[in-house]
């Protein structure tokens, strides 16, 4: 409990920001869904067959997994708030459309006849009779959509849209229950507050509801416009993938750049998402810099048909292909190699005398593996391990951090890992030697567009100070300080730079 309170106090400012982002995304998604679903329901109420088609279509859209939908949207609208809102609108359409249609079509026919007898026009009857009578059912559909949106909006953090999902994802990554609880409880409280607000709307007159919503839209639109204009000012946006290590690196980037030019406005976007999300954001100029690894460049970004053997050759090929295919500038890499590995508990390794991956052949029947989905899918990951080492064992796909918890609790006894993971030290794990050299070299380096590099030569010069620096032992220690000792990535990054005379105190 004390840890929860302390975490909450330390992150109050970040929580307020995340809450504001979550509320904004949810509000605009709900409003757009209402603007689409209610008019369409009004139009199709006289065409039952068309209404059934639309009901089926919106129902099918709700079955698409949210993460898959976000991935499908990225090539068309990039990452950030826009795809998040589009995905949420898709999920919100069915309850609003269905309830509006049902509410309008189930009005007592005698009421409709009375309105016609009074000589009301179609539009007057709609706004004076039908919509007010259907309003309780419509509001119920809006409430259902709102709860669905607020819960699903936590995934917006995966594509750089922010929100309370940042706390949940960060908590999972760092095995910090307090962060997870803060994100989850805040989302639940937000849903309760919004539900109460909608209950108030339900008791208001139809005309007053329209006026209130119109006022909110005008104020919100003005604020969004002001924010968009303010963001046109020159700013360097540095983003990182999920995890402590990327956050440490982007804080180093910021400190190095601002040490050279303190007037430059540098914004950090930690825990921004997966590789594909970041690269899409870089190409669309939504971010300017992020740290990427040489092996990932060849495997995921350029889809190289060949992989050189030496670190220098891998970097040169990746840099060349990025420049040719995507007009990217790839700066010089750091020293450490954050490659994949296969790890078991120290006690398990000692019991069965395991030193190399090849030794696993002797205990195939005893292996229960939990691995990240990315490692299982990569051609230079599990597939190549099984082919080169002639090993087959049952594997469960898991989120990266969850697999560490699972091996610690003896639910599994074999995992994939990164060679710099702090959890290797924390949970007393042994990384088996890759004696057949399956895993490629993964050296990290700043990635940016060529245009950005030309416009910011001082930033390039500053970031190149990290070239050839940071050993595997050093980065693992820094990861340990953040993940286990709960030090801030900013302070850990700055301490390293000062200690190694890359910036002044």
Protein backbone atom coordinates (compact mmCIF):
# COMPACT_ATOMS: atom_id res chain seq x y z
CA UNK A 1 0.00 0.00 0.00
CA UNK A 2 2.83 2.40 0.89
CA UNK A 3 4.51 1.62 -2.43
CA UNK A 4 1.27 2.41 -4.26
CA UNK A 5 0.90 5.77 -2.47
CA UNK A 6 4.55 6.68 -3.09
CA UNK A 7 4.28 5.79 -6.79
CA UNK A 8 1.10 7.83 -7.07
CA UNK A 9 2.73 10.87 -5.42
CA UNK A 10 5.83 10.60 -7.62
CA UNK A 11 3.81 10.44 -10.81
CA UNK A 12 0.96 12.86 -10.15
CA UNK A 13 1.95 15.20 -12.97
CA UNK A 14 2.28 12.33 -15.45
CA UNK A 15 -1.08 10.94 -14.32
CA UNK A 16 -2.85 14.26 -14.89
CA UNK A 17 -1.36 14.47 -18.38
CA UNK A 18 -2.29 10.86 -19.19
CA UNK A 19 -5.81 11.39 -17.84
CA UNK A 20 -6.25 14.44 -20.05
CA UNK A 21 -5.04 12.53 -23.11
CA UNK A 22 -7.32 9.60 -22.33
CA UNK A 23 -10.32 11.86 -21.82
CA UNK A 24 -9.68 13.78 -25.04
CA UNK A 25 -9.32 10.63 -27.15
CA UNK A 26 -12.42 9.07 -25.62
CA UNK A 27 -14.55 12.22 -25.95
CA UNK A 28 -13.76 12.83 -29.62
CA UNK A 29 -14.23 9.17 -30.51
CA UNK A 30 -17.61 9.08 -28.76
CA UNK A 31 -18.73 12.34 -30.34
CA UNK A 32 -17.77 11.22 -33.86
CA UNK A 33 -19.51 7.89 -33.33
CA UNK A 34 -22.68 9.70 -32.21
CA UNK A 35 -22.56 12.06 -35.20
CA UNK A 36 -22.27 9.06 -37.56
CA UNK A 37 -24.52 6.46 -35.93
CA UNK A 38 -27.58 8.52 -34.96
CA UNK A 39 -28.20 10.18 -38.38
CA UNK A 40 -27.66 6.85 -40.16
CA UNK A 41 -30.13 5.14 -37.81
CA UNK A 42 -32.68 7.91 -38.43
CA UNK A 43 -32.31 7.48 -42.18
CA UNK A 44 -32.52 3.65 -42.30
CA UNK A 45 -35.45 3.28 -39.91
CA UNK A 46 -37.74 3.27 -42.96
CA UNK A 47 -35.57 0.66 -44.70
CA UNK A 48 -35.45 -2.43 -42.44
CA UNK A 49 -33.36 -4.50 -44.87
CA UNK A 50 -30.68 -1.81 -45.10
CA UNK A 51 -30.74 -1.47 -41.32
CA UNK A 52 -30.07 -5.19 -40.90
CA UNK A 53 -27.09 -4.98 -43.27
CA UNK A 54 -25.63 -2.07 -41.29
CA UNK A 55 -26.22 -3.89 -37.99
CA UNK A 56 -24.36 -6.91 -39.33
CA UNK A 57 -21.52 -4.72 -40.62
CA UNK A 58 -21.02 -2.84 -37.36
CA UNK A 59 -21.20 -6.13 -35.50
CA UNK A 60 -18.46 -7.60 -37.68
CA UNK A 61 -16.28 -4.51 -37.12
CA UNK A 62 -16.51 -5.08 -33.36
CA UNK A 63 -15.04 -8.56 -33.73
CA UNK A 64 -11.75 -7.23 -35.17
CA UNK A 65 -9.10 -7.29 -32.42
CA UNK A 66 -8.23 -3.73 -31.44
CA UNK A 67 -4.48 -4.18 -31.85
CA UNK A 68 -4.98 -5.66 -35.33
CA UNK A 69 -7.20 -2.74 -36.30
CA UNK A 70 -4.58 -0.25 -35.10
CA UNK A 71 -1.96 -2.08 -37.15
CA UNK A 72 -4.16 -1.96 -40.26
CA UNK A 73 -4.68 1.80 -39.88
CA UNK A 74 -1.03 2.78 -39.48
CA UNK A 75 -0.03 2.57 -43.18
CA UNK A 76 -2.90 4.93 -44.07
CA UNK A 77 -3.04 7.50 -41.24
CA UNK A 78 0.26 7.04 -39.41
CA UNK A 79 0.39 6.67 -35.65
CA UNK A 80 -0.73 8.73 -32.70
CA UNK A 81 -4.16 10.13 -31.91
CA UNK A 82 -5.79 9.82 -35.34
CA UNK A 83 -5.68 6.00 -35.74
CA UNK A 84 -6.60 5.60 -32.08
CA UNK A 85 -9.74 7.70 -32.51
CA UNK A 86 -10.69 5.94 -35.76
CA UNK A 87 -10.39 2.53 -34.10
CA UNK A 88 -12.46 3.64 -31.12
CA UNK A 89 -15.16 5.08 -33.38
CA UNK A 90 -15.41 1.73 -35.14
CA UNK A 91 -16.05 -0.04 -31.82
CA UNK A 92 -18.54 2.57 -30.62
CA UNK A 93 -20.84 2.52 -33.67
CA UNK A 94 -22.82 -0.66 -32.97
CA UNK A 95 -24.37 0.17 -29.54
CA UNK A 96 -25.31 3.72 -30.58
CA UNK A 97 -26.71 2.75 -33.98
CA UNK A 98 -28.58 -0.28 -32.61
CA UNK A 99 -30.17 1.58 -29.70
CA UNK A 100 -31.15 4.57 -31.85
CA UNK A 101 -32.74 2.32 -34.46
CA UNK A 102 -34.61 0.28 -31.85
CA UNK A 103 -35.72 3.39 -29.96
CA UNK A 104 -37.16 5.01 -33.08
CA UNK A 105 -38.81 1.92 -34.56
CA UNK A 106 -40.53 0.88 -31.33
CA UNK A 107 -42.40 4.14 -30.74
CA UNK A 108 -46.11 3.46 -30.31
CA UNK A 109 -47.81 3.84 -33.74
CA UNK A 110 -50.67 5.76 -32.10
CA UNK A 111 -48.18 8.45 -31.05
CA UNK A 112 -46.94 8.73 -34.63
CA UNK A 113 -50.54 9.00 -35.87
CA UNK A 114 -51.33 11.73 -33.33
CA UNK A 115 -48.32 13.75 -34.49
CA UNK A 116 -49.40 13.39 -38.12
CA UNK A 117 -52.95 14.39 -37.21
CA UNK A 118 -51.60 17.60 -35.69
CA UNK A 119 -50.04 18.43 -39.05
CA UNK A 120 -46.41 18.12 -37.98
CA UNK A 121 -43.81 17.99 -40.73
CA UNK A 122 -41.42 15.04 -40.81
CA UNK A 123 -38.51 17.02 -39.33
CA UNK A 124 -40.70 18.65 -36.66
CA UNK A 125 -42.10 15.29 -35.64
CA UNK A 126 -38.59 13.86 -35.46
CA UNK A 127 -37.22 16.56 -33.13
CA UNK A 128 -40.36 17.21 -31.09
CA UNK A 129 -41.73 13.69 -30.68
CA UNK A 130 -39.60 10.79 -31.89
CA UNK A 131 -36.11 11.71 -30.67
CA UNK A 132 -37.28 12.84 -27.21
CA UNK A 133 -39.22 9.58 -26.77
CA UNK A 134 -36.30 7.46 -27.97
CA UNK A 135 -33.73 9.45 -25.98
CA UNK A 136 -33.52 7.10 -22.92
CA UNK A 137 -32.66 4.14 -25.18
CA UNK A 138 -30.25 6.24 -27.27
CA UNK A 139 -28.47 7.48 -24.15
CA UNK A 140 -28.17 3.89 -22.94
CA UNK A 141 -26.37 3.00 -26.18
CA UNK A 142 -24.10 6.03 -25.82
CA UNK A 143 -23.25 4.97 -22.25
CA UNK A 144 -22.37 1.45 -23.42
CA UNK A 145 -20.12 2.85 -26.16
CA UNK A 146 -18.49 5.26 -23.75
CA UNK A 147 -17.48 2.48 -21.34
CA UNK A 148 -16.19 0.41 -24.25
CA UNK A 149 -14.17 3.35 -25.59
CA UNK A 150 -12.54 4.22 -22.25
CA UNK A 151 -11.47 0.60 -21.72
CA UNK A 152 -10.16 0.12 -25.26
CA UNK A 153 -8.42 3.51 -25.32
CA UNK A 154 -5.71 2.12 -23.03
CA UNK A 155 -4.27 0.46 -26.15
CA UNK A 156 -3.74 3.89 -27.70
CA UNK A 157 -0.48 4.03 -25.76
CA UNK A 158 0.91 1.35 -28.09
CA UNK A 159 0.88 3.78 -31.02
CA UNK A 160 2.04 6.92 -29.29
CA UNK A 161 -1.36 8.43 -28.51
CA UNK A 162 -0.70 8.49 -24.77
CA UNK A 163 -3.42 8.04 -22.19
CA UNK A 164 -3.69 5.84 -19.12
CA UNK A 165 -2.41 2.87 -21.10
CA UNK A 166 1.09 4.32 -20.62
CA UNK A 167 0.88 3.46 -16.91
CA UNK A 168 -0.41 -0.05 -17.57
CA UNK A 169 2.18 -0.87 -20.24
CA UNK A 170 5.00 0.60 -18.19
CA UNK A 171 3.85 -1.36 -15.16
CA UNK A 172 3.81 -4.62 -17.10
CA UNK A 173 7.23 -3.91 -18.60
CA UNK A 174 8.81 -3.08 -15.24
CA UNK A 175 6.84 -5.60 -13.18
CA UNK A 176 5.45 -2.70 -11.16
CA UNK A 177 2.00 -3.53 -9.79
CA UNK A 178 1.49 0.01 -8.50
CA UNK A 179 1.77 1.49 -11.99
CA UNK A 180 -0.68 -1.07 -13.36
CA UNK A 181 -3.16 -0.33 -10.57
CA UNK A 182 -2.86 3.44 -11.06
CA UNK A 183 -3.65 3.09 -14.76
CA UNK A 184 -6.47 0.57 -14.29
CA UNK A 185 -8.13 2.35 -11.35
CA UNK A 186 -7.93 5.71 -13.10
CA UNK A 187 -9.57 4.27 -16.22
CA UNK A 188 -12.34 2.74 -14.11
CA UNK A 189 -12.94 6.00 -12.25
CA UNK A 190 -13.01 7.91 -15.52
CA UNK A 191 -15.66 5.52 -16.84
CA UNK A 192 -17.76 6.04 -13.69
CA UNK A 193 -17.51 9.83 -13.92
CA UNK A 194 -18.41 9.84 -17.62
CA UNK A 195 -21.31 7.48 -16.97
CA UNK A 196 -22.63 9.87 -14.32
CA UNK A 197 -22.30 12.77 -16.77
CA UNK A 198 -24.32 10.86 -19.36
CA UNK A 199 -26.96 10.12 -16.70
CA UNK A 200 -27.30 13.88 -16.17
CA UNK A 201 -27.74 14.32 -19.95
CA UNK A 202 -30.48 11.72 -19.89
CA UNK A 203 -32.49 13.88 -17.47
CA UNK A 204 -32.10 17.07 -19.50
CA UNK A 205 -34.41 18.31 -22.19
CA UNK A 206 -33.44 17.35 -25.73
CA UNK A 207 -32.81 20.97 -26.74
CA UNK A 208 -30.55 21.60 -23.75
CA UNK A 209 -28.55 18.45 -24.52
CA UNK A 210 -27.89 19.70 -28.06
CA UNK A 211 -26.81 23.14 -26.76
CA UNK A 212 -24.50 21.64 -24.12
CA UNK A 213 -22.81 19.23 -26.54
CA UNK A 214 -22.44 22.00 -29.12
CA UNK A 215 -20.73 24.22 -26.54
CA UNK A 216 -18.32 21.43 -25.55
CA UNK A 217 -17.49 20.78 -29.21
CA UNK A 218 -16.72 24.45 -29.86
CA UNK A 219 -14.50 24.75 -26.77
CA UNK A 220 -12.77 21.44 -27.46
CA UNK A 221 -12.25 22.28 -31.12
CA UNK A 222 -10.76 25.66 -30.23
CA UNK A 223 -8.36 24.03 -27.76
CA UNK A 224 -7.36 21.39 -30.31
CA UNK A 225 -6.72 24.10 -32.88
CA UNK A 226 -4.60 26.10 -30.44
CA UNK A 227 -2.59 22.97 -29.58
CA UNK A 228 -2.03 22.16 -33.24
CA UNK A 229 -0.79 25.68 -33.96
CA UNK A 230 1.52 25.69 -30.93
CA UNK A 231 3.02 22.40 -32.10
CA UNK A 232 4.11 24.02 -35.34
CA UNK A 233 6.94 25.65 -33.41
CA UNK A 234 10.33 24.01 -33.93
CA UNK A 235 10.65 20.97 -31.70
CA UNK A 236 12.81 17.86 -31.74
CA UNK A 237 10.74 14.79 -30.83
CA UNK A 238 12.67 11.75 -29.65
CA UNK A 239 10.77 8.51 -29.17
CA UNK A 240 11.65 5.09 -27.80
CA UNK A 241 10.24 1.60 -27.75
CA UNK A 242 8.71 -0.03 -24.68
CA UNK A 243 11.10 -0.66 -21.83
CA UNK A 244 13.69 0.86 -19.56
CA UNK A 245 16.61 0.62 -21.97
CA UNK A 246 15.03 2.68 -24.80
CA UNK A 247 13.94 5.28 -22.22
CA UNK A 248 17.47 5.52 -20.86
CA UNK A 249 18.83 5.99 -24.38
CA UNK A 250 16.38 8.71 -25.40
CA UNK A 251 17.17 10.61 -22.20
CA UNK A 252 20.84 10.40 -23.16
CA UNK A 253 19.97 11.74 -26.61
CA UNK A 254 18.09 14.66 -25.08
CA UNK A 255 20.89 15.54 -22.64
CA UNK A 256 23.53 15.40 -25.36
CA UNK A 257 21.51 17.58 -27.75
CA UNK A 258 20.50 20.19 -25.18
CA UNK A 259 24.04 20.35 -23.78
CA UNK A 260 25.13 21.56 -27.21
CA UNK A 261 22.12 23.82 -27.80
CA UNK A 262 20.13 24.57 -24.60
CA UNK A 263 17.63 26.68 -26.55
CA UNK A 264 16.43 23.71 -28.60
CA UNK A 265 13.04 22.36 -27.49
CA UNK A 266 13.38 18.59 -27.12
CA UNK A 267 10.34 16.43 -26.34
CA UNK A 268 10.59 12.79 -25.27
CA UNK A 269 8.00 10.15 -26.08
CA UNK A 270 8.96 7.02 -24.12
CA UNK A 271 7.18 3.66 -24.45
CA UNK A 272 5.99 4.72 -27.88
CA UNK A 273 5.31 1.26 -29.28
CA UNK A 274 6.72 -1.47 -31.46
CA UNK A 275 9.32 -1.14 -34.24
CA UNK A 276 6.80 -0.77 -37.07
CA UNK A 277 4.92 1.97 -35.19
CA UNK A 278 8.08 3.99 -34.58
CA UNK A 279 9.39 3.64 -38.10
CA UNK A 280 6.04 4.75 -39.54
CA UNK A 281 6.08 7.77 -37.23
CA UNK A 282 9.62 8.62 -38.31
CA UNK A 283 8.77 8.45 -42.00
CA UNK A 284 5.70 10.66 -41.49
CA UNK A 285 7.72 13.21 -39.43
CA UNK A 286 5.62 12.66 -36.32
CA UNK A 287 8.87 11.97 -34.50
CA UNK A 288 12.44 12.96 -35.43
CA UNK A 289 14.76 10.44 -33.77
CA UNK A 290 14.58 7.03 -32.16
CA UNK A 291 17.19 4.39 -31.23
CA UNK A 292 17.18 1.34 -33.51
CA UNK A 293 19.30 -1.79 -33.61
CA UNK A 294 21.36 -2.95 -36.57
CA UNK A 295 19.95 -6.48 -36.63
CA UNK A 296 16.39 -5.12 -36.52
CA UNK A 297 17.17 -2.80 -39.45
CA UNK A 298 18.16 -5.73 -41.69
CA UNK A 299 15.46 -8.11 -40.47
CA UNK A 300 12.43 -5.84 -40.06
CA UNK A 301 12.96 -2.51 -41.81
CA UNK A 302 14.92 -3.27 -44.99
CA UNK A 303 14.18 -7.03 -45.19
CA UNK A 304 17.71 -7.73 -46.29
CA UNK A 305 18.31 -11.05 -48.03
CA UNK A 306 21.81 -11.29 -46.57
CA UNK A 307 23.22 -10.74 -43.08
CA UNK A 308 26.96 -10.06 -42.85
CA UNK A 309 28.96 -11.74 -40.09
CA UNK A 310 30.80 -8.81 -38.50
CA UNK A 311 29.21 -5.93 -36.53
CA UNK A 312 30.81 -3.30 -38.76
CA UNK A 313 29.58 -4.95 -41.96
CA UNK A 314 26.04 -5.31 -40.56
CA UNK A 315 25.97 -1.61 -39.69
CA UNK A 316 27.32 -0.52 -43.08
CA UNK A 317 24.75 -2.61 -44.96
CA UNK A 318 21.88 -1.38 -42.76
CA UNK A 319 22.94 2.24 -43.16
CA UNK A 320 23.24 1.86 -46.93
CA UNK A 321 19.85 0.14 -47.34
CA UNK A 322 18.06 2.65 -45.10
CA UNK A 323 19.50 5.53 -47.12
CA UNK A 324 18.52 3.99 -50.45
CA UNK A 325 15.06 2.68 -49.54
CA UNK A 326 13.76 5.27 -47.08
CA UNK A 327 16.15 8.26 -47.19
CA UNK A 328 17.15 7.69 -43.59
CA UNK A 329 20.32 8.73 -41.77
CA UNK A 330 21.65 6.04 -39.43
CA UNK A 331 24.33 7.32 -37.05
CA UNK A 332 27.25 5.36 -35.62
CA UNK A 333 26.30 2.54 -33.21
CA UNK A 334 27.17 2.04 -29.54
CA UNK A 335 29.47 -0.76 -28.40
CA UNK A 336 27.11 -3.20 -26.70
CA UNK A 337 25.31 -6.00 -28.51
CA UNK A 338 21.71 -6.36 -27.34
CA UNK A 339 21.13 -9.63 -29.09
CA UNK A 340 18.67 -12.43 -28.41
CA UNK A 341 19.45 -15.25 -26.04
CA UNK A 342 17.99 -18.44 -24.58
CA UNK A 343 17.91 -18.42 -20.78
CA UNK A 344 17.11 -20.88 -17.99
CA UNK A 345 17.34 -20.65 -14.21
CA UNK A 346 20.84 -21.06 -12.80
CA UNK A 347 19.61 -24.02 -10.73
CA UNK A 348 18.14 -25.70 -13.84
CA UNK A 349 21.39 -25.18 -15.78
CA UNK A 350 23.46 -26.64 -12.94
CA UNK A 351 21.17 -29.64 -12.44
CA UNK A 352 21.39 -30.70 -16.11
CA UNK A 353 24.88 -29.31 -16.86
CA UNK A 354 23.60 -26.85 -19.48
CA UNK A 355 26.12 -24.41 -20.92
CA UNK A 356 25.13 -24.04 -24.59
CA UNK A 357 21.86 -24.03 -26.52
CA UNK A 358 22.98 -27.31 -28.07
CA UNK A 359 22.95 -28.92 -24.62
CA UNK A 360 19.15 -28.53 -24.59
CA UNK A 361 18.92 -31.55 -26.89
CA UNK A 362 19.55 -33.73 -23.83
CA UNK A 363 16.51 -32.38 -21.93
CA UNK A 364 13.95 -31.73 -24.69
CA UNK A 365 11.29 -33.72 -22.88
CA UNK A 366 11.63 -31.59 -19.75
CA UNK A 367 11.40 -28.18 -21.46
CA UNK A 368 8.42 -25.84 -21.08
CA UNK A 369 9.14 -22.59 -22.92
CA UNK A 370 7.55 -19.17 -22.79
CA UNK A 371 8.67 -16.72 -25.45
CA UNK A 372 7.74 -13.35 -26.91
CA UNK A 373 5.58 -13.41 -30.03
CA UNK A 374 8.19 -11.43 -31.95
CA UNK A 375 10.92 -13.98 -31.19
CA UNK A 376 8.65 -16.86 -32.17
CA UNK A 377 7.83 -15.21 -35.50
CA UNK A 378 11.25 -13.90 -36.54
CA UNK A 379 13.15 -15.95 -39.09
CA UNK A 380 16.32 -15.33 -37.06
CA UNK A 381 14.56 -16.25 -33.81
CA UNK A 382 12.94 -19.47 -32.62
CA UNK A 383 12.54 -20.88 -36.14
CA UNK A 384 16.26 -20.66 -36.80
CA UNK A 385 17.13 -22.00 -33.33
CA UNK A 386 15.02 -25.11 -33.93
CA UNK A 387 16.48 -25.61 -37.40
CA UNK A 388 20.15 -25.07 -36.50
CA UNK A 389 20.10 -26.91 -33.19
CA UNK A 390 17.58 -29.64 -34.16
CA UNK A 391 15.49 -28.92 -31.06
CA UNK A 392 11.70 -29.02 -30.68
CA UNK A 393 9.82 -28.12 -27.52
CA UNK A 394 6.36 -26.77 -26.55
CA UNK A 395 6.24 -22.97 -26.56
CA UNK A 396 3.69 -20.51 -25.15
CA UNK A 397 3.54 -17.01 -26.59
CA UNK A 398 3.81 -14.34 -23.85
CA UNK A 399 4.30 -10.64 -23.33
CA UNK A 400 8.04 -10.03 -22.79
CA UNK A 401 7.82 -9.14 -19.09
CA UNK A 402 5.32 -11.88 -18.26
CA UNK A 403 7.71 -14.60 -19.34
CA UNK A 404 10.15 -13.53 -16.63
CA UNK A 405 7.45 -13.79 -13.98
CA UNK A 406 6.45 -17.19 -15.33
CA UNK A 407 9.97 -18.65 -15.16
CA UNK A 408 10.45 -17.19 -11.68
CA UNK A 409 7.22 -18.93 -10.55
CA UNK A 410 8.34 -22.22 -12.23
CA UNK A 411 5.41 -22.17 -14.65
CA UNK A 412 7.98 -22.48 -17.46
CA UNK A 413 11.70 -23.25 -17.44
CA UNK A 414 13.00 -21.74 -20.69
CA UNK A 415 12.64 -18.25 -22.17
CA UNK A 416 14.00 -16.00 -24.86
CA UNK A 417 15.70 -12.83 -23.64
CA UNK A 418 17.81 -9.87 -24.60
CA UNK A 419 21.41 -10.07 -23.47
CA UNK A 420 21.12 -6.75 -21.62
CA UNK A 421 17.90 -7.49 -19.71
CA UNK A 422 18.10 -6.54 -16.04
CA UNK A 423 15.81 -9.47 -15.19
CA UNK A 424 18.64 -11.90 -15.97
CA UNK A 425 20.40 -10.60 -12.87
CA UNK A 426 17.22 -10.05 -10.88
CA UNK A 427 15.90 -13.62 -11.31
CA UNK A 428 19.28 -15.41 -11.37
CA UNK A 429 19.05 -16.69 -14.94
CA UNK A 430 21.76 -18.20 -17.10
CA UNK A 431 22.02 -17.28 -20.79
CA UNK A 432 23.10 -20.34 -22.77
CA UNK A 433 25.94 -19.86 -25.22
CA UNK A 434 24.90 -19.55 -28.86
CA UNK A 435 27.73 -21.79 -30.05
CA UNK A 436 26.33 -22.00 -33.60
CA UNK A 437 26.00 -18.20 -33.91
CA UNK A 438 22.29 -18.15 -34.72
CA UNK A 439 21.56 -14.69 -33.36
CA UNK A 440 22.73 -11.67 -35.35
CA UNK A 441 24.41 -8.57 -33.98
CA UNK A 442 22.15 -5.91 -32.49
CA UNK A 443 23.98 -2.63 -31.87
CA UNK A 444 21.87 0.44 -31.16
CA UNK A 445 22.23 3.75 -32.96
CA UNK A 446 20.12 6.91 -33.52
CA UNK A 447 17.87 6.75 -36.57
CA UNK A 448 16.48 9.88 -38.28
CA UNK A 449 15.53 11.16 -41.71
CA UNK A 450 18.23 12.58 -43.95
CA UNK A 451 16.37 15.90 -44.06
CA UNK A 452 16.44 16.17 -40.27
CA UNK A 453 20.16 15.31 -40.17
CA UNK A 454 20.93 18.06 -42.70
CA UNK A 455 18.91 20.65 -40.78
CA UNK A 456 20.39 19.71 -37.38
CA UNK A 457 24.13 19.02 -37.81
CA UNK A 458 24.78 19.95 -34.16
CA UNK A 459 22.36 17.26 -33.00
CA UNK A 460 24.10 14.71 -35.22
CA UNK A 461 27.49 15.72 -33.82
CA UNK A 462 26.18 15.45 -30.25
CA UNK A 463 24.63 12.01 -30.74
CA UNK A 464 27.78 10.66 -32.36
CA UNK A 465 29.50 11.04 -28.98
CA UNK A 466 27.83 7.76 -28.00
CA UNK A 467 29.48 5.89 -30.90
CA UNK A 468 31.50 2.98 -29.56
CA UNK A 469 30.42 3.73 -25.97
CA UNK A 470 28.43 1.72 -23.38
CA UNK A 471 29.31 -1.92 -22.75
CA UNK A 472 26.83 -4.76 -22.21
CA UNK A 473 27.67 -4.80 -18.50
CA UNK A 474 27.07 -1.04 -18.24
CA UNK A 475 23.68 -1.04 -19.99
CA UNK A 476 22.54 -4.09 -18.01
CA UNK A 477 23.49 -2.27 -14.81
CA UNK A 478 21.56 0.83 -15.92
CA UNK A 479 18.52 -1.31 -16.77
CA UNK A 480 18.79 -2.90 -13.32
CA UNK A 481 18.88 0.51 -11.63
CA UNK A 482 15.66 1.53 -13.41
CA UNK A 483 13.70 -1.72 -13.31
CA UNK A 484 14.72 -3.07 -9.91
CA UNK A 485 16.08 -0.14 -7.90
CA UNK A 486 13.31 2.10 -9.27
CA UNK A 487 15.58 4.97 -10.26
CA UNK A 488 14.35 7.30 -12.98
CA UNK A 489 15.68 6.69 -16.53
CA UNK A 490 16.54 10.41 -16.76
CA UNK A 491 18.79 10.35 -13.68
CA UNK A 492 20.45 7.06 -14.69
CA UNK A 493 21.13 8.38 -18.19
CA UNK A 494 22.53 11.67 -16.94
CA UNK A 495 24.74 9.95 -14.38
CA UNK A 496 26.37 7.85 -17.11
CA UNK A 497 26.97 10.86 -19.39
CA UNK A 498 28.50 12.92 -16.58
CA UNK A 499 30.56 10.03 -15.24
CA UNK A 500 32.07 9.42 -18.70
CA UNK A 501 32.62 13.14 -19.41
CA UNK A 502 30.17 13.29 -22.33
CA UNK A 503 28.37 16.26 -20.72
CA UNK A 504 29.18 18.55 -17.83
CA UNK A 505 27.44 18.32 -14.47
